[in-house]
Amino acid sequence: MAERSTAAVDVADNSGDEPLTAQADQSTADGVAKNREQDTDIDEAQGSGGTEGPGKASPPELHSGHKLARRYRLEECVTRLDGFSSWRAVDEKLRRAVGVHILPADHARARSVLASARSSALLGDPRFVQVLDAVEENDLVYVVHEWLPDATELSTLLAPGPLEVYDAYQMVTQVSAAMAAAHREGLAHLRLNPNAVLRTSTGQWRIRGLAVNAALRGVSSDTPQRTDTEAIGALLYAALTQRWPYESDAYGLSGLPKDVGLIAPDQVRAGVHRGLSELAMRALVNDGATASRHESACTTPEELVKAIGEMPRIRPPEPAFTAPPDYQRTTYQQGTYGRQAPHPGATQPVPTPPPPLQSRTGRALKWAVSALLIAALGLGSWQLADALMDQGGKSEDGNQTQTTDDNDKNSDKAKPVKPIKIQNAQEFVAKGGAQAPEDVGKTYDGDSSTYWRSKSFIDGPDITAYKSGVGIVYELGSAQTVSAASIGLLYPGDHTTVSLYASDSLTPSSLDSMEKIGSVTTSGTSATVKVTKPVKTQYVLVWLTAMPHANGDQYSGAGYKQAVTDLKFTG
């Protein structure tokens, strides 16, 4: 297992030390409520790779209600450690909550904290929690930053279980892009961990403590880009598995078993997305390629962004449909709007409706309707009799024609289905490499135990996001009218999609040059594709665009794949 920097992931040598002052159910320094045992920024601050001691300065004696610059009123101390303290405060000028880090001006890290805060403030990237002010005043140095009451830490999100695939994909995409932008400006984080990554109520991921958190604790690194990249890999690993990719437990997550080493996320938990699992390993294993895929390791956030861009895009899940509530009539629809509601339990008399059409006008209307009905019946009877008489003179010819038509139709229905013999076949490659061109003959050799198999794909069942499909062109000897194709499949599951195309040769130029004549989707081990548009053709392409997930064996790895065991055409 490659060597990894513990400073990047905030796992300290003395992670069991108790914080100096911390209460249960505190808020973090950036406005996200959480429990003390999750606050590893507090209880793991010492021994986390720092290069400079806190000095002999003592923390300033501050209290709730104290004002800084006659503007920032301190409300609650959320961290007091290593000679500095962090507070939730109120900006009385703008009437908003803010966070404040405070340390004595003669603190050994005061200069670096001021410099880091001012550099971070100049970045102005909305993906980071913004530094609002950095001041030295009255023997104090304080840094004011945004307070995000609507955001939730990644460590809290992982408490019930790992993230959904799309959420993990969005997290690593946004965090990698943000850190790549920061490094282009010469800024590093060095303490990127599940407590430093937040998700807002709108679904946006934000990073807090850029440069400042490391300066407060004296953390530095000779390879800052590599350190932050490994930290992003650890975040993705935790999001996929709900495990911390080191032997020590941290941030409310269990570490990996002792003496096992770093194992891929898809080997820790079933159902982990293969592409994201590989991406986490490429970010974590910085001294060489991953053993499974032999892909180059990512050593900078920029390389990580590029690797994400080369992956097939992960689509958000389909929204769940909620059935509307049963229709209920209201009192307004029942005609009682504006009336006094009856007392509960009281029996209300049902008014008797008046007899219908009992007035003089009603009786006249009844006689008029009756007369119209009698006239209509008489007219209809006369027209029917006239039509029957006209048809009588033509009955002989008409019956003869009808009999002939019926015989023709019955002969079509009784026409037997004949098998069409396959003369030759060749694999068609529309994009990328071939699958198994040497095995195409096994699809029509009459032996269902032999087959042609595709390669294993990382994402699916639909593979058209990065490959238009895979398949075989069959030659029928001469132009034939194909009515259906019966296809035996090796792997069941959700799902296989097969289409038929009429081709002009055994080696067509492109998929667009062919005419689609049928398609079907199945979850079983057989598929029958019926031709929807009759056409005569000598060459037929069998084209697969979706495949189920299957386990690996001695011949192929696990992934989305399919194999054709036996194929027959009928005309």
Protein backbone atom coordinates (compact mmCIF):
# COMPACT_ATOMS: atom_id res chain seq x y z
CA MET A 1 0.00 0.00 0.00
CA ALA A 2 1.35 3.36 -1.00
CA GLU A 3 2.50 5.77 1.67
CA ARG A 4 -0.06 8.48 2.47
CA SER A 5 0.12 11.83 4.22
CA THR A 6 -1.83 11.85 7.49
CA ALA A 7 -1.87 15.64 7.48
CA ALA A 8 -4.11 15.62 4.44
CA VAL A 9 -6.83 13.57 6.07
CA ASP A 10 -6.55 14.88 9.63
CA VAL A 11 -5.77 11.60 11.38
CA ALA A 12 -3.61 12.54 14.33
CA ASP A 13 -1.22 10.49 16.41
CA ASN A 14 -3.06 11.49 19.58
CA SER A 15 -6.60 11.28 18.24
CA GLY A 16 -7.79 9.96 21.60
CA ASP A 17 -6.92 13.18 23.48
CA GLU A 18 -9.85 15.08 24.92
CA PRO A 19 -10.43 18.70 23.81
CA LEU A 20 -9.79 21.42 26.32
CA THR A 21 -13.34 22.74 26.24
CA ALA A 22 -16.09 21.13 24.25
CA GLN A 23 -19.70 20.47 25.10
CA ALA A 24 -22.06 17.91 23.68
CA ASP A 25 -24.19 19.02 20.75
CA GLN A 26 -22.03 22.00 19.94
CA SER A 27 -21.94 23.91 16.69
CA THR A 28 -18.85 23.91 14.55
CA ALA A 29 -16.82 26.98 13.87
CA ASP A 30 -18.61 27.48 10.56
CA GLY A 31 -22.19 27.17 11.65
CA VAL A 32 -23.08 23.52 11.33
CA ALA A 33 -24.45 21.80 14.45
CA LYS A 34 -22.89 18.46 15.39
CA ASN A 35 -21.83 16.28 18.31
CA ARG A 36 -18.50 16.61 20.10
CA GLU A 37 -17.29 13.14 19.16
CA GLN A 38 -17.47 14.11 15.50
CA ASP A 39 -15.46 17.30 15.94
CA THR A 40 -12.09 15.92 14.92
CA ASP A 41 -10.95 19.43 14.10
CA ILE A 42 -10.94 19.86 17.90
CA ASP A 43 -9.93 16.55 19.38
CA GLU A 44 -7.36 15.71 16.69
CA ALA A 45 -5.78 19.10 16.24
CA GLN A 46 -2.53 18.32 18.00
CA GLY A 47 0.04 16.12 16.34
CA SER A 48 -1.59 16.47 12.89
CA GLY A 49 1.55 17.29 11.02
CA GLY A 50 2.14 20.77 12.43
CA THR A 51 5.57 22.28 12.10
CA GLU A 52 5.19 25.13 14.55
CA GLY A 53 4.20 25.09 18.24
CA PRO A 54 1.50 27.32 19.72
CA GLY A 55 4.04 29.35 21.67
CA LYS A 56 3.55 30.59 25.20
CA ALA A 57 0.60 32.84 24.41
CA SER A 58 -2.53 32.23 26.45
CA PRO A 59 -6.00 32.43 24.95
CA PRO A 60 -7.64 35.83 25.41
CA GLU A 61 -10.20 36.03 28.20
CA LEU A 62 -13.37 36.58 26.22
CA HIS A 63 -16.98 35.94 27.05
CA SER A 64 -20.41 35.95 25.46
CA GLY A 65 -21.56 39.50 24.74
CA HIS A 66 -18.02 40.81 24.12
CA LYS A 67 -17.78 43.00 21.00
CA LEU A 68 -14.95 43.14 18.48
CA ALA A 69 -14.48 46.37 16.51
CA ARG A 70 -17.74 47.56 18.14
CA ARG A 71 -19.49 45.38 15.58
CA TYR A 72 -19.09 41.61 16.10
CA ARG A 73 -20.89 40.44 19.26
CA LEU A 74 -19.67 37.06 20.49
CA GLU A 75 -22.50 34.63 21.23
CA GLU A 76 -21.14 31.11 21.81
CA CYS A 77 -17.66 29.61 22.04
CA VAL A 78 -17.51 26.46 19.95
CA THR A 79 -13.76 25.73 20.08
CA ARG A 80 -11.02 26.67 22.54
CA LEU A 81 -7.70 25.01 21.73
CA ASP A 82 -3.98 25.67 21.30
CA GLY A 83 -4.26 29.32 22.37
CA PHE A 84 -7.05 30.25 19.96
CA SER A 85 -10.84 30.08 20.16
CA SER A 86 -13.67 29.95 17.64
CA TRP A 87 -17.02 31.62 18.19
CA ARG A 88 -20.47 31.99 16.74
CA ALA A 89 -21.10 35.73 16.63
CA VAL A 90 -23.50 38.35 15.27
CA ASP A 91 -22.51 41.10 12.88
CA GLU A 92 -24.64 43.89 14.36
CA LYS A 93 -23.99 46.18 11.42
CA LEU A 94 -25.36 43.77 8.80
CA ARG A 95 -27.57 41.81 11.23
CA ARG A 96 -26.32 38.38 10.28
CA ALA A 97 -24.61 35.43 11.96
CA VAL A 98 -20.88 35.01 11.40
CA GLY A 99 -18.06 32.82 12.68
CA VAL A 100 -14.93 34.25 14.31
CA HIS A 101 -11.49 32.73 15.02
CA ILE A 102 -9.61 34.68 17.74
CA LEU A 103 -6.01 34.36 18.96
CA PRO A 104 -3.53 36.67 20.71
CA ALA A 105 -1.47 38.94 18.51
CA ASP A 106 1.73 37.48 20.01
CA HIS A 107 0.66 33.91 19.21
CA ALA A 108 3.32 32.03 17.25
CA ARG A 109 0.83 31.43 14.40
CA ALA A 110 -0.85 34.85 14.37
CA ARG A 111 1.14 36.15 11.35
CA SER A 112 0.50 33.04 9.23
CA VAL A 113 -3.21 33.02 10.15
CA LEU A 114 -3.62 36.64 9.04
CA ALA A 115 -1.74 36.00 5.80
CA SER A 116 -3.72 32.84 5.02
CA ALA A 117 -7.07 34.51 5.77
CA ARG A 118 -6.32 37.49 3.54
CA SER A 119 -5.15 35.24 0.69
CA SER A 120 -8.29 33.11 1.01
CA ALA A 121 -10.50 36.23 1.01
CA LEU A 122 -8.93 37.37 -2.29
CA LEU A 123 -9.93 34.09 -4.00
CA GLY A 124 -13.65 34.98 -3.80
CA ASP A 125 -14.79 31.55 -5.05
CA PRO A 126 -18.39 30.83 -3.92
CA ARG A 127 -17.55 27.14 -3.54
CA PHE A 128 -15.58 28.03 -0.40
CA VAL A 129 -16.88 29.45 2.87
CA GLN A 130 -15.86 33.08 2.48
CA VAL A 131 -13.49 35.01 4.76
CA LEU A 132 -15.21 38.33 5.48
CA ASP A 133 -12.58 40.13 7.57
CA ALA A 134 -9.07 39.58 8.97
CA VAL A 135 -7.98 42.15 11.58
CA GLU A 136 -5.26 42.75 14.17
CA GLU A 137 -6.62 45.00 16.93
CA ASN A 138 -6.09 45.49 20.71
CA ASP A 139 -3.52 42.69 21.01
CA LEU A 140 -5.92 40.31 19.24
CA VAL A 141 -5.98 38.77 15.79
CA TYR A 142 -9.38 37.65 14.59
CA VAL A 143 -10.72 36.20 11.34
CA VAL A 144 -14.42 36.62 10.49
CA HIS A 145 -16.04 34.16 8.08
CA GLU A 146 -19.45 33.10 6.79
CA TRP A 147 -21.84 31.15 9.01
CA LEU A 148 -23.93 28.54 7.15
CA PRO A 149 -26.91 27.48 9.28
CA ASP A 150 -28.51 25.60 6.36
CA ALA A 151 -25.47 23.40 5.60
CA THR A 152 -24.69 19.87 6.79
CA GLU A 153 -21.25 18.33 7.19
CA LEU A 154 -20.31 15.27 5.18
CA SER A 155 -19.55 13.42 8.43
CA THR A 156 -23.17 13.99 9.53
CA LEU A 157 -24.52 12.91 6.13
CA LEU A 158 -22.56 9.66 6.39
CA ALA A 159 -23.85 8.77 9.86
CA PRO A 160 -26.90 6.80 8.58
CA GLY A 161 -25.05 5.20 5.64
CA PRO A 162 -23.03 5.87 2.45
CA LEU A 163 -24.17 8.48 -0.05
CA GLU A 164 -26.19 7.63 -3.12
CA VAL A 165 -24.09 7.22 -6.28
CA TYR A 166 -25.22 10.51 -7.80
CA ASP A 167 -24.59 12.46 -4.57
CA ALA A 168 -21.07 10.99 -4.24
CA TYR A 169 -20.40 11.86 -7.89
CA GLN A 170 -21.57 15.44 -7.37
CA MET A 171 -19.48 15.78 -4.20
CA VAL A 172 -16.20 14.65 -5.73
CA THR A 173 -16.86 16.64 -8.93
CA GLN A 174 -17.53 19.93 -7.12
CA VAL A 175 -14.82 19.52 -4.47
CA SER A 176 -12.17 18.56 -7.05
CA ALA A 177 -13.03 21.51 -9.30
CA ALA A 178 -12.97 23.92 -6.34
CA MET A 179 -9.59 22.70 -5.10
CA ALA A 180 -8.14 22.81 -8.62
CA ALA A 181 -9.18 26.48 -8.82
CA ALA A 182 -7.64 27.19 -5.40
CA HIS A 183 -4.31 25.56 -6.32
CA ARG A 184 -4.16 27.59 -9.53
CA GLU A 185 -4.10 30.64 -7.24
CA GLY A 186 -1.43 29.10 -5.01
CA LEU A 187 -3.78 28.17 -2.12
CA ALA A 188 -3.95 24.76 -0.43
CA HIS A 189 -6.27 23.40 2.23
CA LEU A 190 -4.19 20.64 3.91
CA ARG A 191 -7.04 19.79 6.34
CA LEU A 192 -9.67 18.63 3.87
CA ASN A 193 -11.80 16.10 5.78
CA PRO A 194 -15.49 15.18 6.26
CA ASN A 195 -15.91 18.04 8.74
CA ALA A 196 -14.62 20.59 6.22
CA VAL A 197 -17.01 19.63 3.39
CA LEU A 198 -20.61 20.87 3.64
CA ARG A 199 -23.75 20.36 1.59
CA THR A 200 -26.22 23.23 1.56
CA SER A 201 -30.00 22.93 1.41
CA THR A 202 -29.84 23.61 -2.35
CA GLY A 203 -27.51 20.62 -2.92
CA GLN A 204 -24.35 22.68 -3.48
CA TRP A 205 -21.12 21.40 -1.91
CA ARG A 206 -18.92 23.97 -0.15
CA ILE A 207 -15.49 23.80 1.52
CA ARG A 208 -14.60 25.67 4.70
CA GLY A 209 -11.27 26.59 6.23
CA LEU A 210 -9.24 27.01 3.03
CA ALA A 211 -5.67 27.76 4.16
CA VAL A 212 -6.95 29.17 7.50
CA ASN A 213 -7.59 25.86 9.32
CA ALA A 214 -4.10 24.63 8.48
CA ALA A 215 -2.55 27.93 9.61
CA LEU A 216 -4.45 27.84 12.93
CA ARG A 217 -2.94 24.45 13.71
CA GLY A 218 0.47 24.92 12.09
CA VAL A 219 -0.06 22.28 9.40
CA SER A 220 2.20 22.41 6.34
CA SER A 221 3.17 20.10 3.48
CA ASP A 222 6.00 19.88 0.95
CA THR A 223 3.53 18.53 -1.64
CA PRO A 224 0.29 20.46 -1.05
CA GLN A 225 -1.42 19.42 -4.31
CA ARG A 226 -0.74 15.77 -3.67
CA THR A 227 -1.90 16.12 -0.06
CA ASP A 228 -5.23 17.70 -1.05
CA THR A 229 -5.75 15.18 -3.86
CA GLU A 230 -5.30 12.27 -1.47
CA ALA A 231 -7.74 13.95 0.92
CA ILE A 232 -10.36 14.16 -1.85
CA GLY A 233 -9.82 10.44 -2.52
CA ALA A 234 -10.41 9.74 1.17
CA LEU A 235 -13.64 11.79 1.08
CA LEU A 236 -14.91 9.83 -1.94
CA TYR A 237 -13.90 6.53 -0.33
CA ALA A 238 -15.87 7.43 2.81
CA ALA A 239 -18.88 8.59 0.76
CA LEU A 240 -19.01 5.25 -1.11
CA THR A 241 -18.36 2.87 1.80
CA GLN A 242 -19.08 4.71 5.07
CA ARG A 243 -15.54 3.66 6.08
CA TRP A 244 -12.39 5.73 6.63
CA PRO A 245 -9.61 4.45 4.29
CA TYR A 246 -7.05 4.13 7.09
CA GLU A 247 -6.73 1.80 10.07
CA SER A 248 -7.71 4.48 12.61
CA ASP A 249 -11.34 5.41 13.21
CA ALA A 250 -12.09 9.08 12.51
CA TYR A 251 -14.97 11.51 11.95
CA GLY A 252 -17.50 9.00 13.25
CA LEU A 253 -16.38 6.42 10.65
CA SER A 254 -14.80 3.02 11.25
CA GLY A 255 -11.35 2.48 9.78
CA LEU A 256 -10.23 -0.45 7.65
CA PRO A 257 -9.29 -3.77 9.31
CA LYS A 258 -5.76 -4.04 10.63
CA ASP A 259 -3.00 -5.46 8.40
CA VAL A 260 -5.29 -5.62 5.36
CA GLY A 261 -4.02 -2.55 3.53
CA LEU A 262 -5.98 -0.29 1.25
CA ILE A 263 -8.68 -2.25 -0.59
CA ALA A 264 -10.93 -0.85 -3.29
CA PRO A 265 -14.36 0.50 -2.21
CA ASP A 266 -16.22 -2.05 -4.36
CA GLN A 267 -14.49 -4.78 -2.33
CA VAL A 268 -15.58 -3.18 0.96
CA ARG A 269 -19.26 -2.78 0.15
CA ALA A 270 -21.44 -4.48 -2.47
CA GLY A 271 -23.07 -2.37 -5.15
CA VAL A 272 -20.45 0.40 -5.17
CA HIS A 273 -20.15 2.19 -8.51
CA ARG A 274 -17.12 0.72 -10.30
CA GLY A 275 -16.00 3.98 -11.92
CA LEU A 276 -16.14 5.96 -8.67
CA SER A 277 -14.38 3.13 -6.82
CA GLU A 278 -11.52 3.26 -9.30
CA LEU A 279 -11.40 7.06 -9.08
CA ALA A 280 -11.03 6.94 -5.29
CA MET A 281 -8.14 4.48 -5.60
CA ARG A 282 -6.39 6.61 -8.21
CA ALA A 283 -6.55 9.60 -5.85
CA LEU A 284 -5.47 7.63 -2.77
CA VAL A 285 -2.67 5.51 -4.26
CA ASN A 286 -0.30 8.25 -5.31
CA ASP A 287 2.91 6.25 -5.73
CA GLY A 288 1.78 4.08 -8.60
CA ALA A 289 -1.06 2.75 -10.72
CA THR A 290 -3.97 0.83 -9.23
CA ALA A 291 -3.54 -2.90 -9.64
CA SER A 292 -7.03 -3.52 -11.03
CA ARG A 293 -7.10 -1.18 -14.01
CA HIS A 294 -3.49 -0.06 -14.46
CA GLU A 295 -4.64 3.53 -14.71
CA SER A 296 -2.21 6.27 -13.81
CA ALA A 297 -2.56 7.75 -10.32
CA CYS A 298 -3.96 11.28 -9.83
CA THR A 299 -1.50 13.48 -7.94
CA THR A 300 -3.15 16.91 -8.37
CA PRO A 301 -6.76 18.13 -8.19
CA GLU A 302 -6.44 19.15 -11.86
CA GLU A 303 -5.66 15.55 -12.86
CA LEU A 304 -8.59 14.40 -10.75
CA VAL A 305 -10.94 16.82 -12.56
CA LYS A 306 -9.68 15.45 -15.90
CA ALA A 307 -10.24 11.86 -14.77
CA ILE A 308 -13.80 12.69 -13.72
CA GLY A 309 -14.44 14.30 -17.10
CA GLU A 310 -13.37 11.11 -18.88
CA MET A 311 -15.90 9.02 -16.93
CA PRO A 312 -19.41 8.42 -18.30
CA ARG A 313 -21.65 11.04 -16.72
CA ILE A 314 -23.76 9.69 -13.85
CA ARG A 315 -27.35 10.78 -14.24
CA PRO A 316 -29.54 11.80 -11.28
CA PRO A 317 -32.12 9.23 -10.15
CA GLU A 318 -35.59 9.45 -11.59
CA PRO A 319 -37.97 11.31 -9.26
CA ALA A 320 -40.35 8.99 -7.44
CA PHE A 321 -43.99 9.37 -8.49
CA THR A 322 -46.36 10.04 -5.62
CA ALA A 323 -49.98 9.13 -6.22
CA PRO A 324 -52.37 12.04 -5.67
CA PRO A 325 -54.69 11.76 -2.67
CA ASP A 326 -58.16 10.37 -3.15
CA TYR A 327 -60.71 12.88 -4.38
CA GLN A 328 -62.88 14.23 -1.61
CA ARG A 329 -65.90 16.43 -2.05
CA THR A 330 -65.93 19.67 -0.08
CA THR A 331 -68.87 21.29 1.64
CA TYR A 332 -68.84 23.94 -1.07
CA GLN A 333 -69.33 21.28 -3.79
CA GLN A 334 -72.11 19.72 -1.78
CA GLY A 335 -74.05 22.96 -1.84
CA THR A 336 -73.68 23.93 1.83
CA TYR A 337 -71.24 26.82 1.33
CA GLY A 338 -72.33 29.76 3.46
CA ARG A 339 -74.79 27.73 5.50
CA GLN A 340 -74.50 27.04 9.17
CA ALA A 341 -72.82 23.68 9.81
CA PRO A 342 -75.13 21.12 11.46
CA HIS A 343 -74.42 20.03 15.00
CA PRO A 344 -72.48 16.77 15.22
CA GLY A 345 -74.73 13.78 15.54
CA ALA A 346 -77.87 15.68 14.53
CA THR A 347 -80.00 13.98 11.85
CA GLN A 348 -80.73 16.33 8.98
CA PRO A 349 -83.98 15.94 7.03
CA VAL A 350 -83.51 15.19 3.34
CA PRO A 351 -85.62 17.59 1.24
CA THR A 352 -88.03 15.84 -1.18
CA PRO A 353 -87.35 16.93 -4.79
CA PRO A 354 -90.35 18.17 -6.78
CA PRO A 355 -91.90 15.73 -9.30
CA PRO A 356 -90.16 16.17 -12.68
CA LEU A 357 -91.99 17.85 -15.58
CA GLN A 358 -95.36 18.15 -13.80
CA SER A 359 -96.05 21.74 -14.85
CA ARG A 360 -97.91 22.82 -18.03
CA THR A 361 -94.61 23.56 -19.78
CA GLY A 362 -93.23 20.17 -18.77
CA ARG A 363 -96.20 18.30 -20.21
CA ALA A 364 -95.90 20.15 -23.53
CA LEU A 365 -92.18 19.33 -23.68
CA LYS A 366 -92.90 15.62 -23.14
CA TRP A 367 -95.38 15.52 -26.06
CA ALA A 368 -92.92 17.31 -28.37
CA VAL A 369 -90.09 14.90 -27.59
CA SER A 370 -92.38 11.89 -28.13
CA ALA A 371 -93.43 13.18 -31.57
CA LEU A 372 -89.80 13.67 -32.63
CA LEU A 373 -88.89 10.14 -31.56
CA ILE A 374 -91.77 8.62 -33.55
CA ALA A 375 -90.77 10.57 -36.67
CA ALA A 376 -87.13 9.52 -36.34
CA LEU A 377 -88.04 5.85 -35.99
CA GLY A 378 -90.21 5.96 -39.09
CA LEU A 379 -87.54 7.63 -41.21
CA GLY A 380 -84.90 5.18 -40.06
CA SER A 381 -87.08 2.15 -40.89
CA TRP A 382 -87.74 3.45 -44.41
CA GLN A 383 -84.01 4.04 -45.11
CA LEU A 384 -83.11 0.56 -43.84
CA ALA A 385 -85.68 -1.13 -46.06
CA ASP A 386 -84.48 0.83 -49.11
CA ALA A 387 -80.88 -0.18 -48.48
CA LEU A 388 -81.78 -3.86 -48.18
CA MET A 389 -83.67 -3.79 -51.47
CA ASP A 390 -80.71 -2.17 -53.30
CA GLN A 391 -78.36 -4.80 -51.95
CA GLY A 392 -80.58 -7.68 -53.01
CA GLY A 393 -79.86 -7.17 -56.72
CA LYS A 394 -76.11 -7.38 -56.09
CA SER A 395 -76.10 -10.21 -53.57
CA GLU A 396 -74.70 -12.81 -55.96
CA ASP A 397 -71.69 -10.74 -57.05
CA GLY A 398 -71.14 -9.44 -53.55
CA ASN A 399 -71.15 -12.90 -52.01
CA GLN A 400 -68.68 -14.17 -54.59
CA THR A 401 -66.25 -11.30 -53.89
CA GLN A 402 -66.55 -11.71 -50.16
CA THR A 403 -65.79 -15.42 -50.40
CA THR A 404 -62.69 -14.76 -52.46
CA ASP A 405 -61.43 -12.16 -50.03
CA ASP A 406 -61.96 -14.48 -47.07
CA ASN A 407 -60.08 -17.27 -48.79
CA ASP A 408 -57.14 -14.94 -49.49
CA LYS A 409 -57.00 -13.77 -45.88
CA ASN A 410 -57.19 -17.29 -44.52
CA SER A 411 -54.42 -18.37 -46.87
CA ASP A 412 -52.17 -15.56 -45.52
CA LYS A 413 -52.80 -16.55 -41.91
CA ALA A 414 -52.16 -20.17 -42.64
CA LYS A 415 -48.88 -19.42 -44.41
CA PRO A 416 -46.20 -21.41 -42.51
CA VAL A 417 -43.18 -19.72 -40.93
CA LYS A 418 -39.95 -20.96 -42.52
CA PRO A 419 -36.47 -20.82 -41.00
CA ILE A 420 -33.81 -18.86 -42.87
CA LYS A 421 -30.35 -20.41 -43.01
CA ILE A 422 -27.43 -18.18 -42.06
CA GLN A 423 -24.55 -18.38 -44.54
CA ASN A 424 -21.93 -16.14 -42.94
CA ALA A 425 -21.46 -13.59 -40.14
CA GLN A 426 -19.04 -10.86 -39.15
CA GLU A 427 -18.81 -8.59 -36.09
CA PHE A 428 -19.71 -4.95 -36.73
CA VAL A 429 -17.66 -2.29 -34.89
CA ALA A 430 -19.21 1.18 -34.92
CA LYS A 431 -16.89 2.75 -32.33
CA GLY A 432 -13.88 1.61 -30.29
CA GLY A 433 -12.51 -1.93 -30.41
CA ALA A 434 -14.00 -5.28 -31.39
CA GLN A 435 -15.57 -7.63 -28.82
CA ALA A 436 -14.87 -11.26 -29.88
CA PRO A 437 -14.81 -11.46 -33.72
CA GLU A 438 -13.40 -15.00 -33.67
CA ASP A 439 -16.54 -16.32 -31.91
CA VAL A 440 -19.31 -15.02 -34.21
CA GLY A 441 -19.77 -18.47 -35.77
CA LYS A 442 -20.72 -19.90 -32.38
CA THR A 443 -23.99 -17.93 -32.44
CA TYR A 444 -25.50 -20.08 -35.24
CA ASP A 445 -23.66 -23.42 -34.93
CA GLY A 446 -26.68 -25.10 -33.34
CA ASP A 447 -24.85 -25.63 -30.03
CA SER A 448 -26.37 -23.56 -27.21
CA SER A 449 -23.32 -24.18 -24.99
CA THR A 450 -21.08 -22.05 -27.23
CA TYR A 451 -21.45 -18.29 -27.53
CA TRP A 452 -20.10 -14.92 -28.62
CA ARG A 453 -19.62 -12.56 -25.67
CA SER A 454 -19.16 -8.82 -25.35
CA LYS A 455 -16.58 -7.23 -23.10
CA SER A 456 -17.51 -6.05 -19.59
CA PHE A 457 -18.57 -2.41 -19.33
CA ILE A 458 -18.30 -0.31 -16.17
CA ASP A 459 -21.67 1.48 -16.48
CA GLY A 460 -25.02 0.22 -17.64
CA PRO A 461 -27.40 -1.32 -18.44
CA ASP A 462 -27.52 1.32 -21.22
CA ILE A 463 -24.05 1.55 -22.81
CA THR A 464 -24.88 4.15 -25.47
CA ALA A 465 -23.51 7.00 -23.36
CA TYR A 466 -19.98 6.00 -24.40
CA LYS A 467 -20.44 3.28 -27.06
CA SER A 468 -23.22 3.16 -29.67
CA GLY A 469 -23.59 -0.60 -29.23
CA VAL A 470 -22.09 -4.00 -30.15
CA GLY A 471 -23.34 -6.67 -32.53
CA ILE A 472 -22.97 -9.00 -35.53
CA VAL A 473 -24.00 -8.74 -39.22
CA TYR A 474 -25.45 -11.99 -40.64
CA GLU A 475 -25.57 -12.97 -44.34
CA LEU A 476 -28.69 -14.90 -45.44
CA GLY A 477 -27.38 -16.04 -48.87
CA SER A 478 -29.93 -14.01 -50.88
CA ALA A 479 -32.51 -11.31 -50.33
CA GLN A 480 -35.05 -12.70 -47.86
CA THR A 481 -38.19 -11.38 -46.19
CA VAL A 482 -37.32 -11.61 -42.49
CA SER A 483 -40.25 -11.70 -40.07
CA ALA A 484 -38.48 -12.33 -36.72
CA ALA A 485 -35.26 -13.27 -34.99
CA SER A 486 -35.03 -15.67 -32.03
CA ILE A 487 -31.96 -14.97 -29.86
CA GLY A 488 -30.58 -17.02 -26.97
CA LEU A 489 -28.80 -14.99 -24.28
CA LEU A 490 -26.37 -16.14 -21.58
CA TYR A 491 -26.98 -13.53 -18.84
CA PRO A 492 -30.41 -12.64 -17.41
CA GLY A 493 -31.10 -9.45 -15.50
CA ASP A 494 -32.07 -5.83 -15.90
CA HIS A 495 -31.91 -5.51 -18.88
CA THR A 496 -30.98 -6.43 -22.48
CA THR A 497 -32.07 -4.35 -25.50
CA VAL A 498 -31.67 -5.92 -28.99
CA SER A 499 -32.45 -4.26 -32.34
CA LEU A 500 -32.45 -5.51 -35.95
CA TYR A 501 -31.12 -3.49 -38.88
CA ALA A 502 -31.33 -4.22 -42.62
CA SER A 503 -27.85 -3.82 -44.09
CA ASP A 504 -26.60 -3.57 -47.66
CA SER A 505 -23.44 -5.60 -47.06
CA LEU A 506 -21.58 -7.80 -44.57
CA THR A 507 -19.35 -4.81 -43.75
CA PRO A 508 -21.60 -1.72 -43.58
CA SER A 509 -19.96 1.70 -43.38
CA SER A 510 -21.92 3.00 -40.38
CA LEU A 511 -25.01 2.43 -38.27
CA ASP A 512 -26.72 5.41 -39.93
CA SER A 513 -26.46 3.71 -43.32
CA MET A 514 -28.78 0.89 -42.18
CA GLU A 515 -32.57 0.75 -41.66
CA LYS A 516 -33.91 -0.28 -38.25
CA ILE A 517 -36.62 -2.93 -38.65
CA GLY A 518 -37.32 -4.15 -35.09
CA SER A 519 -36.38 -3.92 -31.43
CA VAL A 520 -37.14 -5.58 -28.08
CA THR A 521 -36.08 -5.33 -24.42
CA THR A 522 -35.94 -8.38 -22.15
CA SER A 523 -34.75 -9.40 -18.69
CA GLY A 524 -34.55 -13.14 -19.43
CA THR A 525 -32.23 -15.45 -21.32
CA SER A 526 -34.05 -15.24 -24.65
CA ALA A 527 -35.37 -12.51 -26.90
CA THR A 528 -37.71 -12.60 -29.89
CA VAL A 529 -37.44 -9.55 -32.13
CA LYS A 530 -40.39 -9.19 -34.50
CA VAL A 531 -39.92 -7.16 -37.67
CA THR A 532 -42.29 -4.20 -37.59
CA LYS A 533 -41.66 -3.12 -41.18
CA PRO A 534 -41.45 -5.96 -43.76
CA VAL A 535 -38.37 -5.59 -45.95
CA LYS A 536 -36.31 -7.89 -48.14
CA THR A 537 -32.64 -7.97 -47.23
CA GLN A 538 -29.63 -10.24 -47.62
CA TYR A 539 -27.83 -8.90 -44.53
CA VAL A 540 -29.23 -8.35 -41.01
CA LEU A 541 -27.42 -6.64 -38.10
CA VAL A 542 -28.23 -7.86 -34.57
CA TRP A 543 -27.33 -4.87 -32.36
CA LEU A 544 -27.14 -4.77 -28.52
CA THR A 545 -27.39 -1.36 -26.78
CA ALA A 546 -28.17 -2.40 -23.18
CA MET A 547 -26.86 -5.28 -21.08
CA PRO A 548 -27.43 -6.64 -17.55
CA HIS A 549 -24.77 -6.76 -14.84
CA ALA A 550 -23.06 -10.14 -14.42
CA ASN A 551 -20.36 -11.50 -12.12
CA GLY A 552 -16.85 -12.17 -13.30
CA ASP A 553 -15.39 -15.59 -14.14
CA GLN A 554 -12.11 -17.00 -15.41
CA TYR A 555 -12.75 -15.53 -18.88
CA SER A 556 -14.09 -12.03 -18.16
CA GLY A 557 -14.44 -9.58 -15.29
CA ALA A 558 -17.64 -8.47 -13.59
CA GLY A 559 -19.60 -5.71 -15.29
CA TYR A 560 -22.39 -5.01 -17.74
CA LYS A 561 -22.08 -7.64 -20.49
CA GLN A 562 -24.09 -10.08 -22.63
CA ALA A 563 -23.45 -13.18 -24.73
CA VAL A 564 -25.42 -14.62 -27.70
CA THR A 565 -25.66 -18.42 -27.51
CA ASP A 566 -27.99 -19.34 -30.38
CA LEU A 567 -29.67 -17.24 -33.08
CA LYS A 568 -32.28 -18.10 -35.72
CA PHE A 569 -34.07 -16.01 -38.36
CA THR A 570 -37.56 -16.83 -39.67
CA GLY A 571 -39.34 -15.54 -42.76
